[in-house]
Structure formats: structure tokens, C-alpha cells
Amino acid sequence: VRDNDRLGKHAIMQADSFLQGASPCGALNMVGNVLEFIDKTGTPTPESRSYYARYLKPPLEPWFEIRGRSFNDDLAGDYGGVWDEAVAPARWKSSIIGFRCVKDVLPAH
């Protein structure tokens, strides 16, 4: 994230970067790399509709939740952004928004 003074590069990092910060189950870069589209629709606020209407004509498609924070966000004094969420139109594109592929773990037989 932008307020990380120890990091020389403030940009999108590879998915396997920061191995030392892996969660107990091995998840990496859960906050601070890119915002992530998730497979959950949401309802935009009037302010969100107004913002995106400047760029997308008309923004009538489904809106999806975006979670987390990007490398460009300053998290100083913040809770970290792990549960931060917003919504955006399905066709919205941004260099600071990505997605995470996940797979359910199969139970052992």
C-alpha cells in the first residue's frame, strides 16, 4: 500500500509476492494489491450511480461488489480495508481492480 515505507515499488505486485505475509491457510495479498470484484451483486447508492454515469452511458447492467484496498490507497490509521466494500457496474474497468479465483476445498475421504 502507498504508506508502506519499506517497499520501494508501489504498484500492482505478482500474486505470489510477500510470501512472509501468508495467512495460516496460505492466502496472499488479501489487502493492498488491487481491489477485487467478487461474485456478489449489490445495490449502488445514488452517489455511485452519479459517479459512474459520467463514464458509462447508461450504467444499467448488474452492479457487483468490490472489496479490499489497492496499492494506491493510504491505510495509515485505518482498519486495513479487509472488509471495505463498494459496488461498480459489471463492465467497469480500472487498473486498480482485479479479481481472485477461489476453489472450494474438497473434503478428505
PDB file of N, CA and C in Angstrom:
ATOM      1  N   VAL A   1       0.839  -1.186   0.000  1.00  0.00           N
ATOM      2  CA  VAL A   1       0.000   0.000   0.000  1.00  0.00           C
ATOM      3  C   VAL A   1       0.876   1.238   0.000  1.00  0.00           C
ATOM      4  N   ARG A   2       0.281   2.335  -0.326  1.00  0.00           N
ATOM      5  CA  ARG A   2       1.038   3.570  -0.522  1.00  0.00           C
ATOM      6  C   ARG A   2       1.814   4.006   0.708  1.00  0.00           C
ATOM      7  N   ASP A   3       1.327   3.723   1.926  1.00  0.00           N
ATOM      8  CA  ASP A   3       2.027   4.178   3.123  1.00  0.00           C
ATOM      9  C   ASP A   3       3.070   3.185   3.631  1.00  0.00           C
ATOM     10  N   ASN A   4       3.419   2.177   2.855  1.00  0.00           N
ATOM     11  CA  ASN A   4       4.454   1.210   3.217  1.00  0.00           C
ATOM     12  C   ASN A   4       5.820   1.786   2.826  1.00  0.00           C
ATOM     13  N   ASP A   5       6.516   2.356   3.790  1.00  0.00           N
ATOM     14  CA  ASP A   5       7.812   2.998   3.525  1.00  0.00           C
ATOM     15  C   ASP A   5       8.912   2.001   3.173  1.00  0.00           C
ATOM     16  N   ARG A   6       8.771   0.752   3.599  1.00  0.00           N
ATOM     17  CA  ARG A   6       9.807  -0.255   3.344  1.00  0.00           C
ATOM     18  C   ARG A   6       9.750  -0.795   1.920  1.00  0.00           C
ATOM     19  N   LEU A   7       8.680  -0.518   1.215  1.00  0.00           N
ATOM     20  CA  LEU A   7       8.513  -1.034  -0.134  1.00  0.00           C
ATOM     21  C   LEU A   7       8.968   0.016  -1.136  1.00  0.00           C
ATOM     22  N   GLY A   8       9.927  -0.313  -1.958  1.00  0.00           N
ATOM     23  CA  GLY A   8      10.432   0.638  -2.937  1.00  0.00           C
ATOM     24  C   GLY A   8       9.502   0.838  -4.108  1.00  0.00           C
ATOM     25  N   LYS A   9       8.705  -0.168  -4.418  1.00  0.00           N
ATOM     26  CA  LYS A   9       7.814  -0.122  -5.573  1.00  0.00           C
ATOM     27  C   LYS A   9       6.364  -0.102  -5.094  1.00  0.00           C
ATOM     28  N   HIS A  10       5.629   0.917  -5.466  1.00  0.00           N
ATOM     29  CA  HIS A  10       4.216   0.995  -5.138  1.00  0.00           C
ATOM     30  C   HIS A  10       3.432   0.790  -6.433  1.00  0.00           C
ATOM     31  N   ALA A  11       3.145  -0.456  -6.712  1.00  0.00           N
ATOM     32  CA  ALA A  11       2.464  -0.837  -7.945  1.00  0.00           C
ATOM     33  C   ALA A  11       1.807  -2.189  -7.711  1.00  0.00           C
ATOM     34  N   ILE A  12       1.058  -2.654  -8.685  1.00  0.00           N
ATOM     35  CA  ILE A  12       0.468  -3.986  -8.589  1.00  0.00           C
ATOM     36  C   ILE A  12       1.601  -5.001  -8.535  1.00  0.00           C
ATOM     37  N   MET A  13       1.514  -5.904  -7.588  1.00  0.00           N
ATOM     38  CA  MET A  13       2.547  -6.909  -7.385  1.00  0.00           C
ATOM     39  C   MET A  13       2.047  -8.276  -7.858  1.00  0.00           C
ATOM     40  N   GLN A  14       2.976  -9.177  -8.126  1.00  0.00           N
ATOM     41  CA  GLN A  14       2.620 -10.536  -8.519  1.00  0.00           C
ATOM     42  C   GLN A  14       1.830 -11.202  -7.400  1.00  0.00           C
ATOM     43  N   ALA A  15       0.968 -12.133  -7.775  1.00  0.00           N
ATOM     44  CA  ALA A  15       0.109 -12.803  -6.798  1.00  0.00           C
ATOM     45  C   ALA A  15       0.905 -13.551  -5.735  1.00  0.00           C
ATOM     46  N   ASP A  16       2.104 -14.005  -6.040  1.00  0.00           N
ATOM     47  CA  ASP A  16       2.893 -14.756  -5.065  1.00  0.00           C
ATOM     48  C   ASP A  16       3.926 -13.891  -4.338  1.00  0.00           C
ATOM     49  N   SER A  17       3.763 -12.582  -4.382  1.00  0.00           N
ATOM     50  CA  SER A  17       4.680 -11.707  -3.656  1.00  0.00           C
ATOM     51  C   SER A  17       4.296 -11.687  -2.174  1.00  0.00           C
ATOM     52  N   PHE A  18       5.219 -11.276  -1.334  1.00  0.00           N
ATOM     53  CA  PHE A  18       5.010 -11.161   0.111  1.00  0.00           C
ATOM     54  C   PHE A  18       4.654 -12.501   0.752  1.00  0.00           C
ATOM     55  N   LEU A  19       5.413 -13.527   0.420  1.00  0.00           N
ATOM     56  CA  LEU A  19       5.172 -14.860   0.983  1.00  0.00           C
ATOM     57  C   LEU A  19       5.207 -14.851   2.511  1.00  0.00           C
ATOM     58  N   GLN A  20       6.004 -13.943   3.098  1.00  0.00           N
ATOM     59  CA  GLN A  20       6.105 -13.865   4.544  1.00  0.00           C
ATOM     60  C   GLN A  20       4.804 -13.407   5.190  1.00  0.00           C
ATOM     61  N   GLY A  21       3.881 -12.858   4.424  1.00  0.00           N
ATOM     62  CA  GLY A  21       2.609 -12.392   4.969  1.00  0.00           C
ATOM     63  C   GLY A  21       1.456 -13.339   4.723  1.00  0.00           C
ATOM     64  N   ALA A  22       1.750 -14.576   4.349  1.00  0.00           N
ATOM     65  CA  ALA A  22       0.692 -15.547   4.071  1.00  0.00           C
ATOM     66  C   ALA A  22      -0.153 -15.801   5.313  1.00  0.00           C
ATOM     67  N   SER A  23      -1.452 -15.978   5.102  1.00  0.00           N
ATOM     68  CA  SER A  23      -2.347 -16.323   6.205  1.00  0.00           C
ATOM     69  C   SER A  23      -2.089 -17.770   6.618  1.00  0.00           C
ATOM     70  N   PRO A  24      -2.663 -18.219   7.729  1.00  0.00           N
ATOM     71  CA  PRO A  24      -2.478 -19.613   8.145  1.00  0.00           C
ATOM     72  C   PRO A  24      -2.895 -20.633   7.082  1.00  0.00           C
ATOM     73  N   CYS A  25      -3.847 -20.267   6.220  1.00  0.00           N
ATOM     74  CA  CYS A  25      -4.261 -21.202   5.164  1.00  0.00           C
ATOM     75  C   CYS A  25      -3.532 -20.929   3.852  1.00  0.00           C
ATOM     76  N   GLY A  26      -2.579 -19.987   3.849  1.00  0.00           N
ATOM     77  CA  GLY A  26      -1.754 -19.740   2.677  1.00  0.00           C
ATOM     78  C   GLY A  26      -2.223 -18.634   1.749  1.00  0.00           C
ATOM     79  N   ALA A  27      -3.271 -17.901   2.112  1.00  0.00           N
ATOM     80  CA  ALA A  27      -3.762 -16.816   1.267  1.00  0.00           C
ATOM     81  C   ALA A  27      -2.768 -15.651   1.270  1.00  0.00           C
ATOM     82  N   LEU A  28      -2.568 -15.062   0.097  1.00  0.00           N
ATOM     83  CA  LEU A  28      -1.618 -13.954  -0.054  1.00  0.00           C
ATOM     84  C   LEU A  28      -2.316 -12.694  -0.553  1.00  0.00           C
ATOM     85  N   ASN A  29      -1.728 -11.543  -0.225  1.00  0.00           N
ATOM     86  CA  ASN A  29      -2.161 -10.239  -0.746  1.00  0.00           C
ATOM     87  C   ASN A  29      -3.661 -10.000  -0.591  1.00  0.00           C
ATOM     88  N   MET A  30      -4.164 -10.196   0.603  1.00  0.00           N
ATOM     89  CA  MET A  30      -5.595 -10.015   0.836  1.00  0.00           C
ATOM     90  C   MET A  30      -6.006  -8.546   0.892  1.00  0.00           C
ATOM     91  N   VAL A  31      -5.057  -7.663   1.060  1.00  0.00           N
ATOM     92  CA  VAL A  31      -5.355  -6.236   1.024  1.00  0.00           C
ATOM     93  C   VAL A  31      -4.104  -5.513   0.538  1.00  0.00           C
ATOM     94  N   GLY A  32      -4.297  -4.476  -0.241  1.00  0.00           N
ATOM     95  CA  GLY A  32      -3.171  -3.641  -0.633  1.00  0.00           C
ATOM     96  C   GLY A  32      -2.592  -3.915  -1.998  1.00  0.00           C
ATOM     97  N   ASN A  33      -3.090  -4.860  -2.740  1.00  0.00           N
ATOM     98  CA  ASN A  33      -2.581  -5.083  -4.086  1.00  0.00           C
ATOM     99  C   ASN A  33      -3.567  -4.453  -5.082  1.00  0.00           C
ATOM    100  N   VAL A  34      -4.704  -5.059  -5.278  1.00  0.00           N
ATOM    101  CA  VAL A  34      -5.763  -4.455  -6.081  1.00  0.00           C
ATOM    102  C   VAL A  34      -7.091  -4.662  -5.364  1.00  0.00           C
ATOM    103  N   LEU A  35      -8.037  -3.778  -5.632  1.00  0.00           N
ATOM    104  CA  LEU A  35      -9.410  -4.020  -5.215  1.00  0.00           C
ATOM    105  C   LEU A  35      -9.878  -5.259  -5.963  1.00  0.00           C
ATOM    106  N   GLU A  36     -10.835  -5.992  -5.435  1.00  0.00           N
ATOM    107  CA  GLU A  36     -11.259  -7.220  -6.093  1.00  0.00           C
ATOM    108  C   GLU A  36     -12.759  -7.253  -6.319  1.00  0.00           C
ATOM    109  N   PHE A  37     -13.153  -7.471  -7.596  1.00  0.00           N
ATOM    110  CA  PHE A  37     -14.546  -7.764  -7.905  1.00  0.00           C
ATOM    111  C   PHE A  37     -14.870  -9.105  -7.276  1.00  0.00           C
ATOM    112  N   ILE A  38     -16.026  -9.234  -6.659  1.00  0.00           N
ATOM    113  CA  ILE A  38     -16.455 -10.534  -6.156  1.00  0.00           C
ATOM    114  C   ILE A  38     -17.770 -10.912  -6.819  1.00  0.00           C
ATOM    115  N   ASP A  39     -18.105 -12.177  -6.778  1.00  0.00           N
ATOM    116  CA  ASP A  39     -19.301 -12.691  -7.439  1.00  0.00           C
ATOM    117  C   ASP A  39     -20.526 -12.495  -6.552  1.00  0.00           C
ATOM    118  N   LYS A  40     -20.813 -11.231  -6.256  1.00  0.00           N
ATOM    119  CA  LYS A  40     -21.971 -10.879  -5.448  1.00  0.00           C
ATOM    120  C   LYS A  40     -22.483  -9.532  -5.937  1.00  0.00           C
ATOM    121  N   THR A  41     -23.732  -9.504  -6.331  1.00  0.00           N
ATOM    122  CA  THR A  41     -24.297  -8.244  -6.810  1.00  0.00           C
ATOM    123  C   THR A  41     -24.635  -7.355  -5.619  1.00  0.00           C
ATOM    124  N   GLY A  42     -24.695  -6.066  -5.908  1.00  0.00           N
ATOM    125  CA  GLY A  42     -25.014  -5.093  -4.877  1.00  0.00           C
ATOM    126  C   GLY A  42     -25.858  -3.974  -5.448  1.00  0.00           C
ATOM    127  N   THR A  43     -26.376  -3.152  -4.579  1.00  0.00           N
ATOM    128  CA  THR A  43     -27.214  -2.023  -4.980  1.00  0.00           C
ATOM    129  C   THR A  43     -26.409  -0.744  -4.852  1.00  0.00           C
ATOM    130  N   PRO A  44     -26.266  -0.003  -5.951  1.00  0.00           N
ATOM    131  CA  PRO A  44     -25.490   1.243  -5.882  1.00  0.00           C
ATOM    132  C   PRO A  44     -26.240   2.347  -5.146  1.00  0.00           C
ATOM    133  N   THR A  45     -25.487   3.196  -4.507  1.00  0.00           N
ATOM    134  CA  THR A  45     -26.056   4.385  -3.885  1.00  0.00           C
ATOM    135  C   THR A  45     -26.331   5.412  -4.985  1.00  0.00           C
ATOM    136  N   PRO A  46     -27.137   6.401  -4.714  1.00  0.00           N
ATOM    137  CA  PRO A  46     -27.329   7.469  -5.704  1.00  0.00           C
ATOM    138  C   PRO A  46     -26.009   8.139  -6.092  1.00  0.00           C
ATOM    139  N   GLU A  47     -25.089   8.277  -5.137  1.00  0.00           N
ATOM    140  CA  GLU A  47     -23.786   8.879  -5.427  1.00  0.00           C
ATOM    141  C   GLU A  47     -22.981   8.002  -6.385  1.00  0.00           C
ATOM    142  N   SER A  48     -23.030   6.681  -6.186  1.00  0.00           N
ATOM    143  CA  SER A  48     -22.325   5.764  -7.087  1.00  0.00           C
ATOM    144  C   SER A  48     -22.895   5.852  -8.489  1.00  0.00           C
ATOM    145  N   ARG A  49     -24.222   5.856  -8.601  1.00  0.00           N
ATOM    146  CA  ARG A  49     -24.856   5.961  -9.926  1.00  0.00           C
ATOM    147  C   ARG A  49     -24.422   7.241 -10.629  1.00  0.00           C
ATOM    148  N   SER A  50     -24.396   8.345  -9.891  1.00  0.00           N
ATOM    149  CA  SER A  50     -23.996   9.629 -10.461  1.00  0.00           C
ATOM    150  C   SER A  50     -22.541   9.591 -10.923  1.00  0.00           C
ATOM    151  N   TYR A  51     -21.647   9.020 -10.111  1.00  0.00           N
ATOM    152  CA  TYR A  51     -20.232   8.947 -10.461  1.00  0.00           C
ATOM    153  C   TYR A  51     -20.024   8.144 -11.744  1.00  0.00           C
ATOM    154  N   TYR A  52     -20.539   6.934 -11.799  1.00  0.00           N
ATOM    155  CA  TYR A  52     -20.303   6.071 -12.954  1.00  0.00           C
ATOM    156  C   TYR A  52     -21.056   6.528 -14.199  1.00  0.00           C
ATOM    157  N   ALA A  53     -22.156   7.258 -14.031  1.00  0.00           N
ATOM    158  CA  ALA A  53     -22.905   7.760 -15.189  1.00  0.00           C
ATOM    159  C   ALA A  53     -22.078   8.731 -16.019  1.00  0.00           C
ATOM    160  N   ARG A  54     -21.058   9.349 -15.405  1.00  0.00           N
ATOM    161  CA  ARG A  54     -20.178  10.243 -16.162  1.00  0.00           C
ATOM    162  C   ARG A  54     -19.335   9.481 -17.173  1.00  0.00           C
ATOM    163  N   TYR A  55     -19.113   8.182 -16.928  1.00  0.00           N
ATOM    164  CA  TYR A  55     -18.213   7.375 -17.764  1.00  0.00           C
ATOM    165  C   TYR A  55     -18.928   6.317 -18.594  1.00  0.00           C
ATOM    166  N   LEU A  56     -20.016   5.800 -18.095  1.00  0.00           N
ATOM    167  CA  LEU A  56     -20.741   4.723 -18.775  1.00  0.00           C
ATOM    168  C   LEU A  56     -22.147   5.192 -19.105  1.00  0.00           C
ATOM    169  N   LYS A  57     -22.494   5.117 -20.346  1.00  0.00           N
ATOM    170  CA  LYS A  57     -23.825   5.558 -20.789  1.00  0.00           C
ATOM    171  C   LYS A  57     -24.589   4.393 -21.369  1.00  0.00           C
ATOM    172  N   PRO A  58     -25.704   4.019 -20.848  1.00  0.00           N
ATOM    173  CA  PRO A  58     -26.167   4.209 -19.477  1.00  0.00           C
ATOM    174  C   PRO A  58     -25.669   3.068 -18.604  1.00  0.00           C
ATOM    175  N   PRO A  59     -25.441   3.286 -17.332  1.00  0.00           N
ATOM    176  CA  PRO A  59     -24.966   2.208 -16.460  1.00  0.00           C
ATOM    177  C   PRO A  59     -26.130   1.371 -15.937  1.00  0.00           C
ATOM    178  N   LEU A  60     -26.702   0.524 -16.807  1.00  0.00           N
ATOM    179  CA  LEU A  60     -27.890  -0.239 -16.449  1.00  0.00           C
ATOM    180  C   LEU A  60     -27.622  -1.703 -16.121  1.00  0.00           C
ATOM    181  N   GLU A  61     -26.423  -2.186 -16.356  1.00  0.00           N
ATOM    182  CA  GLU A  61     -26.122  -3.595 -16.108  1.00  0.00           C
ATOM    183  C   GLU A  61     -26.070  -3.897 -14.615  1.00  0.00           C
ATOM    184  N   PRO A  62     -25.904  -5.173 -14.259  1.00  0.00           N
ATOM    185  CA  PRO A  62     -25.781  -5.506 -12.833  1.00  0.00           C
ATOM    186  C   PRO A  62     -24.569  -4.808 -12.217  1.00  0.00           C
ATOM    187  N   TRP A  63     -24.674  -4.551 -10.940  1.00  0.00           N
ATOM    188  CA  TRP A  63     -23.575  -3.957 -10.181  1.00  0.00           C
ATOM    189  C   TRP A  63     -23.017  -5.026  -9.262  1.00  0.00           C
ATOM    190  N   PHE A  64     -21.675  -5.106  -9.189  1.00  0.00           N
ATOM    191  CA  PHE A  64     -21.025  -6.116  -8.368  1.00  0.00           C
ATOM    192  C   PHE A  64     -20.222  -5.457  -7.260  1.00  0.00           C
ATOM    193  N   GLU A  65     -20.104  -6.192  -6.166  1.00  0.00           N
ATOM    194  CA  GLU A  65     -19.318  -5.681  -5.044  1.00  0.00           C
ATOM    195  C   GLU A  65     -17.833  -5.718  -5.369  1.00  0.00           C
ATOM    196  N   ILE A  66     -17.130  -4.743  -4.848  1.00  0.00           N
ATOM    197  CA  ILE A  66     -15.666  -4.654  -4.922  1.00  0.00           C
ATOM    198  C   ILE A  66     -15.200  -4.590  -3.476  1.00  0.00           C
ATOM    199  N   ARG A  67     -14.200  -5.387  -3.147  1.00  0.00           N
ATOM    200  CA  ARG A  67     -13.728  -5.417  -1.764  1.00  0.00           C
ATOM    201  C   ARG A  67     -12.233  -5.155  -1.677  1.00  0.00           C
ATOM    202  N   GLY A  68     -11.811  -4.725  -0.493  1.00  0.00           N
ATOM    203  CA  GLY A  68     -10.397  -4.532  -0.213  1.00  0.00           C
ATOM    204  C   GLY A  68      -9.918  -3.125  -0.503  1.00  0.00           C
ATOM    205  N   ARG A  69      -8.625  -3.026  -0.659  1.00  0.00           N
ATOM    206  CA  ARG A  69      -7.962  -1.766  -0.983  1.00  0.00           C
ATOM    207  C   ARG A  69      -6.880  -2.041  -2.006  1.00  0.00           C
ATOM    208  N   SER A  70      -6.424  -1.014  -2.684  1.00  0.00           N
ATOM    209  CA  SER A  70      -5.395  -1.191  -3.710  1.00  0.00           C
ATOM    210  C   SER A  70      -4.045  -0.677  -3.219  1.00  0.00           C
ATOM    211  N   PHE A  71      -3.029  -0.929  -4.029  1.00  0.00           N
ATOM    212  CA  PHE A  71      -1.677  -0.450  -3.724  1.00  0.00           C
ATOM    213  C   PHE A  71      -1.632   1.067  -3.661  1.00  0.00           C
ATOM    214  N   ASN A  72      -2.600   1.719  -4.236  1.00  0.00           N
ATOM    215  CA  ASN A  72      -2.620   3.172  -4.319  1.00  0.00           C
ATOM    216  C   ASN A  72      -3.299   3.828  -3.115  1.00  0.00           C
ATOM    217  N   ASP A  73      -3.852   3.024  -2.197  1.00  0.00           N
ATOM    218  CA  ASP A  73      -4.551   3.558  -1.032  1.00  0.00           C
ATOM    219  C   ASP A  73      -3.608   3.739   0.150  1.00  0.00           C
ATOM    220  N   ASP A  74      -3.849   4.773   0.917  1.00  0.00           N
ATOM    221  CA  ASP A  74      -3.111   5.036   2.143  1.00  0.00           C
ATOM    222  C   ASP A  74      -3.915   4.437   3.288  1.00  0.00           C
ATOM    223  N   LEU A  75      -3.336   3.478   4.007  1.00  0.00           N
ATOM    224  CA  LEU A  75      -4.060   2.811   5.089  1.00  0.00           C
ATOM    225  C   LEU A  75      -3.628   3.286   6.469  1.00  0.00           C
ATOM    226  N   ALA A  76      -2.820   4.305   6.559  1.00  0.00           N
ATOM    227  CA  ALA A  76      -2.342   4.788   7.861  1.00  0.00           C
ATOM    228  C   ALA A  76      -3.529   5.137   8.754  1.00  0.00           C
ATOM    229  N   GLY A  77      -3.532   4.581   9.968  1.00  0.00           N
ATOM    230  CA  GLY A  77      -4.600   4.868  10.925  1.00  0.00           C
ATOM    231  C   GLY A  77      -5.918   4.223  10.565  1.00  0.00           C
ATOM    232  N   ASP A  78      -5.923   3.295   9.630  1.00  0.00           N
ATOM    233  CA  ASP A  78      -7.137   2.662   9.145  1.00  0.00           C
ATOM    234  C   ASP A  78      -7.199   1.235   9.671  1.00  0.00           C
ATOM    235  N   TYR A  79      -8.330   0.599   9.520  1.00  0.00           N
ATOM    236  CA  TYR A  79      -8.513  -0.791   9.935  1.00  0.00           C
ATOM    237  C   TYR A  79      -7.897  -1.770   8.952  1.00  0.00           C
ATOM    238  N   GLY A  80      -7.390  -1.300   7.838  1.00  0.00           N
ATOM    239  CA  GLY A  80      -6.725  -2.171   6.881  1.00  0.00           C
ATOM    240  C   GLY A  80      -7.511  -2.458   5.632  1.00  0.00           C
ATOM    241  N   GLY A  81      -8.795  -2.190   5.614  1.00  0.00           N
ATOM    242  CA  GLY A  81      -9.573  -2.343   4.393  1.00  0.00           C
ATOM    243  C   GLY A  81      -9.993  -3.750   4.046  1.00  0.00           C
ATOM    244  N   VAL A  82      -9.788  -4.707   4.950  1.00  0.00           N
ATOM    245  CA  VAL A  82     -10.111  -6.096   4.622  1.00  0.00           C
ATOM    246  C   VAL A  82     -11.588  -6.255   4.315  1.00  0.00           C
ATOM    247  N   TRP A  83     -12.453  -5.574   5.017  1.00  0.00           N
ATOM    248  CA  TRP A  83     -13.876  -5.708   4.770  1.00  0.00           C
ATOM    249  C   TRP A  83     -14.478  -4.474   4.100  1.00  0.00           C
ATOM    250  N   ASP A  84     -13.645  -3.611   3.566  1.00  0.00           N
ATOM    251  CA  ASP A  84     -14.118  -2.439   2.848  1.00  0.00           C
ATOM    252  C   ASP A  84     -14.827  -2.898   1.586  1.00  0.00           C
ATOM    253  N   GLU A  85     -15.985  -2.336   1.289  1.00  0.00           N
ATOM    254  CA  GLU A  85     -16.694  -2.749   0.086  1.00  0.00           C
ATOM    255  C   GLU A  85     -17.369  -1.569  -0.592  1.00  0.00           C
ATOM    256  N   ALA A  86     -17.564  -1.726  -1.864  1.00  0.00           N
ATOM    257  CA  ALA A  86     -18.273  -0.760  -2.696  1.00  0.00           C
ATOM    258  C   ALA A  86     -18.907  -1.567  -3.825  1.00  0.00           C
ATOM    259  N   VAL A  87     -19.628  -0.909  -4.713  1.00  0.00           N
ATOM    260  CA  VAL A  87     -20.176  -1.585  -5.883  1.00  0.00           C
ATOM    261  C   VAL A  87     -19.802  -0.804  -7.130  1.00  0.00           C
ATOM    262  N   ALA A  88     -19.736  -1.520  -8.251  1.00  0.00           N
ATOM    263  CA  ALA A  88     -19.424  -0.898  -9.537  1.00  0.00           C
ATOM    264  C   ALA A  88     -20.184  -1.641 -10.623  1.00  0.00           C
ATOM    265  N   PRO A  89     -20.472  -0.956 -11.736  1.00  0.00           N
ATOM    266  CA  PRO A  89     -21.141  -1.638 -12.846  1.00  0.00           C
ATOM    267  C   PRO A  89     -20.281  -2.785 -13.374  1.00  0.00           C
ATOM    268  N   ALA A  90     -20.925  -3.822 -13.869  1.00  0.00           N
ATOM    269  CA  ALA A  90     -20.235  -5.029 -14.332  1.00  0.00           C
ATOM    270  C   ALA A  90     -19.167  -4.728 -15.377  1.00  0.00           C
ATOM    271  N   ARG A  91     -19.372  -3.764 -16.243  1.00  0.00           N
ATOM    272  CA  ARG A  91     -18.392  -3.502 -17.309  1.00  0.00           C
ATOM    273  C   ARG A  91     -17.337  -2.460 -16.932  1.00  0.00           C
ATOM    274  N   TRP A  92     -17.311  -2.033 -15.685  1.00  0.00           N
ATOM    275  CA  TRP A  92     -16.328  -1.044 -15.250  1.00  0.00           C
ATOM    276  C   TRP A  92     -14.930  -1.640 -15.290  1.00  0.00           C
ATOM    277  N   LYS A  93     -13.968  -0.882 -15.798  1.00  0.00           N
ATOM    278  CA  LYS A  93     -12.574  -1.312 -15.858  1.00  0.00           C
ATOM    279  C   LYS A  93     -11.701  -0.277 -15.173  1.00  0.00           C
ATOM    280  N   SER A  94     -10.711  -0.764 -14.446  1.00  0.00           N
ATOM    281  CA  SER A  94      -9.772   0.114 -13.778  1.00  0.00           C
ATOM    282  C   SER A  94      -8.475  -0.652 -13.555  1.00  0.00           C
ATOM    283  N   SER A  95      -7.362   0.046 -13.610  1.00  0.00           N
ATOM    284  CA  SER A  95      -6.071  -0.606 -13.403  1.00  0.00           C
ATOM    285  C   SER A  95      -5.846  -1.016 -11.954  1.00  0.00           C
ATOM    286  N   ILE A  96      -6.703  -0.585 -11.034  1.00  0.00           N
ATOM    287  CA  ILE A  96      -6.539  -0.967  -9.631  1.00  0.00           C
ATOM    288  C   ILE A  96      -7.601  -1.958  -9.170  1.00  0.00           C
ATOM    289  N   ILE A  97      -8.356  -2.541 -10.112  1.00  0.00           N
ATOM    290  CA  ILE A  97      -9.372  -3.537  -9.772  1.00  0.00           C
ATOM    291  C   ILE A  97      -9.046  -4.837 -10.482  1.00  0.00           C
ATOM    292  N   GLY A  98      -9.079  -5.913  -9.742  1.00  0.00           N
ATOM    293  CA  GLY A  98      -8.851  -7.241 -10.299  1.00  0.00           C
ATOM    294  C   GLY A  98      -9.887  -8.200  -9.766  1.00  0.00           C
ATOM    295  N   PHE A  99      -9.528  -9.462  -9.704  1.00  0.00           N
ATOM    296  CA  PHE A  99     -10.401 -10.473  -9.120  1.00  0.00           C
ATOM    297  C   PHE A  99      -9.521 -11.582  -8.578  1.00  0.00           C
ATOM    298  N   ARG A 100     -10.072 -12.401  -7.744  1.00  0.00           N
ATOM    299  CA  ARG A 100      -9.348 -13.518  -7.141  1.00  0.00           C
ATOM    300  C   ARG A 100     -10.108 -14.791  -7.469  1.00  0.00           C
ATOM    301  N   CYS A 101      -9.412 -15.757  -7.996  1.00  0.00           N
ATOM    302  CA  CYS A 101     -10.025 -17.062  -8.261  1.00  0.00           C
ATOM    303  C   CYS A 101      -9.937 -17.897  -6.995  1.00  0.00           C
ATOM    304  N   VAL A 102     -11.029 -18.501  -6.617  1.00  0.00           N
ATOM    305  CA  VAL A 102     -11.046 -19.362  -5.439  1.00  0.00           C
ATOM    306  C   VAL A 102     -11.687 -20.692  -5.793  1.00  0.00           C
ATOM    307  N   LYS A 103     -11.377 -21.682  -5.010  1.00  0.00           N
ATOM    308  CA  LYS A 103     -11.914 -23.011  -5.241  1.00  0.00           C
ATOM    309  C   LYS A 103     -12.239 -23.631  -3.884  1.00  0.00           C
ATOM    310  N   ASP A 104     -13.403 -24.246  -3.791  1.00  0.00           N
ATOM    311  CA  ASP A 104     -13.772 -24.927  -2.552  1.00  0.00           C
ATOM    312  C   ASP A 104     -12.815 -26.099  -2.326  1.00  0.00           C
ATOM    313  N   VAL A 105     -12.479 -26.325  -1.087  1.00  0.00           N
ATOM    314  CA  VAL A 105     -11.633 -27.448  -0.720  1.00  0.00           C
ATOM    315  C   VAL A 105     -12.512 -28.696  -0.633  1.00  0.00           C
ATOM    316  N   LEU A 106     -12.074 -29.746  -1.294  1.00  0.00           N
ATOM    317  CA  LEU A 106     -12.820 -30.998  -1.237  1.00  0.00           C
ATOM    318  C   LEU A 106     -12.535 -31.708   0.079  1.00  0.00           C
ATOM    319  N   PRO A 107     -13.581 -32.253   0.712  1.00  0.00           N
ATOM    320  CA  PRO A 107     -13.320 -32.973   1.973  1.00  0.00           C
ATOM    321  C   PRO A 107     -12.499 -34.226   1.730  1.00  0.00           C
ATOM    322  N   ALA A 108     -11.664 -34.571   2.713  1.00  0.00           N
ATOM    323  CA  ALA A 108     -10.857 -35.795   2.613  1.00  0.00           C
ATOM    324  C   ALA A 108     -11.757 -37.011   2.764  1.00  0.00           C
ATOM    325  N   HIS A 109     -11.478 -38.063   2.005  1.00  0.00           N
ATOM    326  CA  HIS A 109     -12.289 -39.289   2.096  1.00  0.00           C
ATOM    327  C   HIS A 109     -11.651 -40.278   3.006  1.00  0.00           C
TER     328      HIS A 109
END
